[in-house]
Amino acid sequence: MHCRECIHMTRGNHELRDFYRMIREQVLTFYDEEIWQLVIDVLNEIPIGIILDERIFVVHGGIVRPDLQIEEIRHIQRGIDMEETSTVEGKLMVSLLWAETSEENGIIVDEKRGHVFGPDITDKFLQNNNLELIVRAHSYHKLGSYESHEGRVITIHSAPDFNEEEIHYGAFMNVNSADREMHIKRFQAVRRPIAIDWQKL
């Protein structure tokens, strides 16, 4: 990799054992359960969130309460399965990965969508943690990205062609610490690779 310090990964709501059961079949075709467990261990070590340039909070879903402190997120134990929600830290981790934005003030807990937070919740969270912006994913948009909460939340959807009925873009963000500028790049899907029947290899 050209610049390992320049590319950051955060954990998504699909980085869990059950969702990767199809990958398990592929791994076991060539390796064994020990290697499969290593794959899961790596997924579980991906950080829940990061802070870029001391001002941008990056997380897959969003925030779950206005008084949430960054230190609480730092205390979430790395290496645990998302299914392990019996602890306070485990429940917080899952909530952060599934949260959604709303343009209405306040916060609600939706049975299907999880925590849904509004602009006032974003304002309080950013102010309490001396931050300027939340960058998240989790939500589809045909242009690959969109702003909400008066520009204080940016959503990046990096999977083009998610909806096969219409053309849409994926996107990624480049943060330049030198000029404090954020550049969003959009891209279209490329031709899908040939499907492989792993059972026949």
Protein backbone atom coordinates (compact mmCIF):
# COMPACT_ATOMS: atom_id res chain seq x y z
CA MET A 1 0.00 0.00 0.00
CA HIS A 2 1.39 3.39 -1.01
CA CYS A 3 0.48 5.19 2.22
CA ARG A 4 -0.71 3.01 5.07
CA GLU A 5 -1.12 6.04 7.31
CA CYS A 6 -3.48 7.68 4.81
CA ILE A 7 -6.22 5.05 4.58
CA HIS A 8 -8.47 4.32 7.54
CA MET A 9 -11.04 1.57 7.98
CA THR A 10 -13.94 1.47 10.38
CA ARG A 11 -16.17 -1.45 11.19
CA GLY A 12 -19.61 -1.68 9.59
CA ASN A 13 -22.81 -3.29 10.76
CA HIS A 14 -22.21 -6.29 8.47
CA GLU A 15 -18.81 -7.22 9.91
CA LEU A 16 -20.15 -10.08 11.95
CA ARG A 17 -19.87 -13.84 11.93
CA ASP A 18 -23.40 -14.66 10.75
CA PHE A 19 -23.32 -12.27 7.79
CA TYR A 20 -20.09 -13.80 6.50
CA ARG A 21 -21.37 -17.37 6.41
CA MET A 22 -21.00 -17.42 2.59
CA ILE A 23 -17.37 -16.41 2.92
CA ARG A 24 -16.97 -19.21 5.45
CA GLU A 25 -17.81 -21.75 2.73
CA GLN A 26 -15.15 -20.26 0.48
CA VAL A 27 -12.53 -20.25 3.24
CA LEU A 28 -13.25 -23.86 4.20
CA THR A 29 -12.94 -24.94 0.56
CA PHE A 30 -9.22 -24.17 0.70
CA TYR A 31 -8.39 -23.95 4.40
CA ASP A 32 -9.88 -24.96 7.74
CA GLU A 33 -11.79 -23.70 10.76
CA GLU A 34 -8.66 -22.18 12.27
CA ILE A 35 -8.19 -19.88 9.27
CA TRP A 36 -11.89 -19.04 9.32
CA GLN A 37 -11.61 -17.99 12.95
CA LEU A 38 -8.66 -15.77 12.01
CA VAL A 39 -10.87 -14.03 9.45
CA ILE A 40 -13.47 -13.34 12.14
CA ASP A 41 -10.77 -12.18 14.56
CA VAL A 42 -9.55 -9.63 12.00
CA LEU A 43 -13.08 -8.31 11.40
CA ASN A 44 -13.61 -7.96 15.14
CA GLU A 45 -10.44 -5.88 15.49
CA ILE A 46 -11.54 -3.18 13.03
CA PRO A 47 -12.13 0.02 15.04
CA ILE A 48 -15.70 1.19 15.64
CA GLY A 49 -14.82 4.81 14.94
CA ILE A 50 -11.91 7.15 14.38
CA ILE A 51 -11.19 10.86 14.67
CA LEU A 52 -9.57 12.48 11.64
CA ASP A 53 -7.60 15.69 11.82
CA GLU A 54 -8.75 16.16 15.45
CA ARG A 55 -12.15 17.42 14.22
CA ILE A 56 -13.98 14.75 12.21
CA PHE A 57 -15.68 11.78 13.85
CA VAL A 58 -16.01 8.80 11.49
CA VAL A 59 -18.41 5.97 12.34
CA HIS A 60 -20.51 3.60 10.27
CA GLY A 61 -23.95 4.41 11.69
CA GLY A 62 -24.05 7.48 13.90
CA ILE A 63 -24.51 8.61 17.48
CA VAL A 64 -26.96 7.34 20.06
CA ARG A 65 -27.27 10.16 22.60
CA PRO A 66 -26.28 13.83 22.83
CA ASP A 67 -24.11 13.31 25.91
CA LEU A 68 -22.10 10.49 24.34
CA GLN A 69 -18.39 10.97 25.01
CA ILE A 70 -15.56 9.83 22.74
CA GLU A 71 -13.96 8.19 25.77
CA GLU A 72 -16.94 5.84 26.04
CA ILE A 73 -16.31 4.65 22.49
CA ARG A 74 -12.59 4.22 23.21
CA HIS A 75 -13.50 1.91 26.09
CA ILE A 76 -15.32 -0.53 23.80
CA GLN A 77 -13.24 -3.69 23.85
CA ARG A 78 -11.68 -4.57 20.51
CA GLY A 79 -11.97 -8.14 19.27
CA ILE A 80 -15.52 -8.92 20.39
CA ASP A 81 -18.25 -10.38 18.18
CA MET A 82 -21.14 -8.07 17.38
CA GLU A 83 -23.43 -10.81 18.67
CA GLU A 84 -22.00 -10.30 22.17
CA THR A 85 -24.42 -7.61 23.29
CA SER A 86 -24.77 -8.60 26.93
CA THR A 87 -22.39 -5.86 28.12
CA VAL A 88 -22.91 -2.09 28.12
CA GLU A 89 -19.98 -1.71 25.70
CA GLY A 90 -21.37 -4.38 23.38
CA LYS A 91 -24.78 -2.72 23.23
CA LEU A 92 -23.16 0.66 22.54
CA MET A 93 -21.08 -0.84 19.74
CA VAL A 94 -24.12 -2.28 17.96
CA SER A 95 -26.07 0.96 18.40
CA LEU A 96 -23.25 3.03 16.87
CA LEU A 97 -23.13 0.74 13.84
CA TRP A 98 -26.89 0.79 13.15
CA ALA A 99 -27.82 4.43 13.90
CA GLU A 100 -29.58 6.54 11.26
CA THR A 101 -30.03 10.28 10.70
CA SER A 102 -33.27 12.23 10.68
CA GLU A 103 -33.98 15.87 9.84
CA GLU A 104 -36.32 16.09 12.83
CA ASN A 105 -34.90 17.11 16.19
CA GLY A 106 -34.58 14.59 18.97
CA ILE A 107 -33.73 10.94 19.05
CA ILE A 108 -35.91 7.85 18.87
CA VAL A 109 -35.22 4.13 18.99
CA ASP A 110 -36.89 2.42 16.06
CA GLU A 111 -37.47 -1.32 16.32
CA LYS A 112 -36.03 -1.96 12.86
CA ARG A 113 -33.66 0.96 12.29
CA GLY A 114 -32.17 1.40 15.75
CA HIS A 115 -31.33 4.90 17.04
CA VAL A 116 -32.48 7.71 14.76
CA PHE A 117 -30.89 11.06 15.66
CA GLY A 118 -31.70 14.61 14.58
CA PRO A 119 -29.73 17.84 14.05
CA ASP A 120 -29.96 18.97 17.68
CA ILE A 121 -28.40 15.69 18.84
CA THR A 122 -25.57 16.15 16.36
CA ASP A 123 -24.96 19.71 17.56
CA LYS A 124 -24.73 18.69 21.21
CA PHE A 125 -22.47 15.73 20.49
CA LEU A 126 -20.05 17.78 18.39
CA GLN A 127 -19.97 20.60 20.93
CA ASN A 128 -19.45 18.27 23.90
CA ASN A 129 -16.54 16.53 22.17
CA ASN A 130 -14.96 19.59 20.55
CA LEU A 131 -15.57 18.25 17.03
CA GLU A 132 -16.84 19.82 13.81
CA LEU A 133 -18.25 17.04 11.67
CA ILE A 134 -19.62 13.49 11.61
CA VAL A 135 -18.84 11.31 8.59
CA ARG A 136 -20.89 8.14 8.37
CA ALA A 137 -21.99 5.44 5.93
CA HIS A 138 -24.82 2.91 6.32
CA SER A 139 -27.41 4.76 4.20
CA TYR A 140 -27.92 4.47 0.46
CA HIS A 141 -27.90 7.47 -1.86
CA LYS A 142 -27.86 7.27 -5.65
CA LEU A 143 -25.21 10.00 -5.92
CA GLY A 144 -22.92 8.21 -3.48
CA SER A 145 -23.01 10.87 -0.76
CA TYR A 146 -25.18 13.55 0.81
CA GLU A 147 -25.09 16.18 3.55
CA SER A 148 -27.58 16.49 6.39
CA HIS A 149 -27.99 18.40 9.64
CA GLU A 150 -26.99 21.64 7.89
CA GLY A 151 -23.74 20.15 6.65
CA ARG A 152 -22.59 18.80 10.01
CA VAL A 153 -23.17 15.19 8.91
CA ILE A 154 -21.86 13.73 5.65
CA THR A 155 -23.00 10.29 4.56
CA ILE A 156 -20.75 8.32 2.19
CA HIS A 157 -22.13 5.28 0.38
CA SER A 158 -19.22 3.48 -1.25
CA ALA A 159 -21.02 0.65 -3.06
CA PRO A 160 -22.10 1.63 -6.60
CA ASP A 161 -24.85 -0.32 -8.34
CA PHE A 162 -26.47 -1.29 -5.04
CA ASN A 163 -29.85 -0.93 -6.70
CA GLU A 164 -29.66 -2.67 -10.07
CA GLU A 165 -32.81 -0.97 -11.39
CA GLU A 166 -31.05 2.39 -11.80
CA ILE A 167 -27.52 3.65 -12.26
CA HIS A 168 -26.02 5.27 -9.23
CA TYR A 169 -22.62 6.12 -7.83
CA GLY A 170 -20.38 5.09 -4.99
CA ALA A 171 -18.16 7.63 -3.26
CA PHE A 172 -15.18 8.07 -0.97
CA MET A 173 -13.80 11.05 0.90
CA ASN A 174 -10.27 12.43 0.91
CA VAL A 175 -9.42 14.67 3.87
CA ASN A 176 -6.48 17.02 3.33
CA SER A 177 -5.04 18.05 6.68
CA ALA A 178 -2.84 20.72 5.10
CA ASP A 179 -5.68 22.90 3.77
CA ARG A 180 -8.48 21.40 5.94
CA GLU A 181 -10.41 20.64 2.76
CA MET A 182 -12.58 17.56 2.22
CA HIS A 183 -12.89 16.17 -1.28
CA ILE A 184 -15.62 13.68 -2.17
CA LYS A 185 -14.92 11.52 -5.22
CA ARG A 186 -17.75 9.69 -6.97
CA PHE A 187 -17.38 6.62 -9.15
CA GLN A 188 -19.55 4.23 -11.12
CA ALA A 189 -19.67 0.46 -10.90
CA VAL A 190 -17.44 -1.63 -13.13
CA ARG A 191 -18.51 -4.81 -14.84
CA ARG A 192 -19.14 -7.56 -12.31
CA PRO A 193 -16.61 -10.40 -12.20
CA ILE A 194 -17.65 -13.87 -13.28
CA ALA A 195 -19.41 -15.71 -10.48
CA ILE A 196 -17.42 -18.64 -9.13
CA ASP A 197 -19.03 -21.80 -7.84
CA TRP A 198 -16.70 -22.50 -4.94
CA GLN A 199 -18.20 -25.93 -4.35
CA LYS A 200 -16.92 -27.16 -7.73
CA LEU A 201 -13.30 -26.06 -7.31
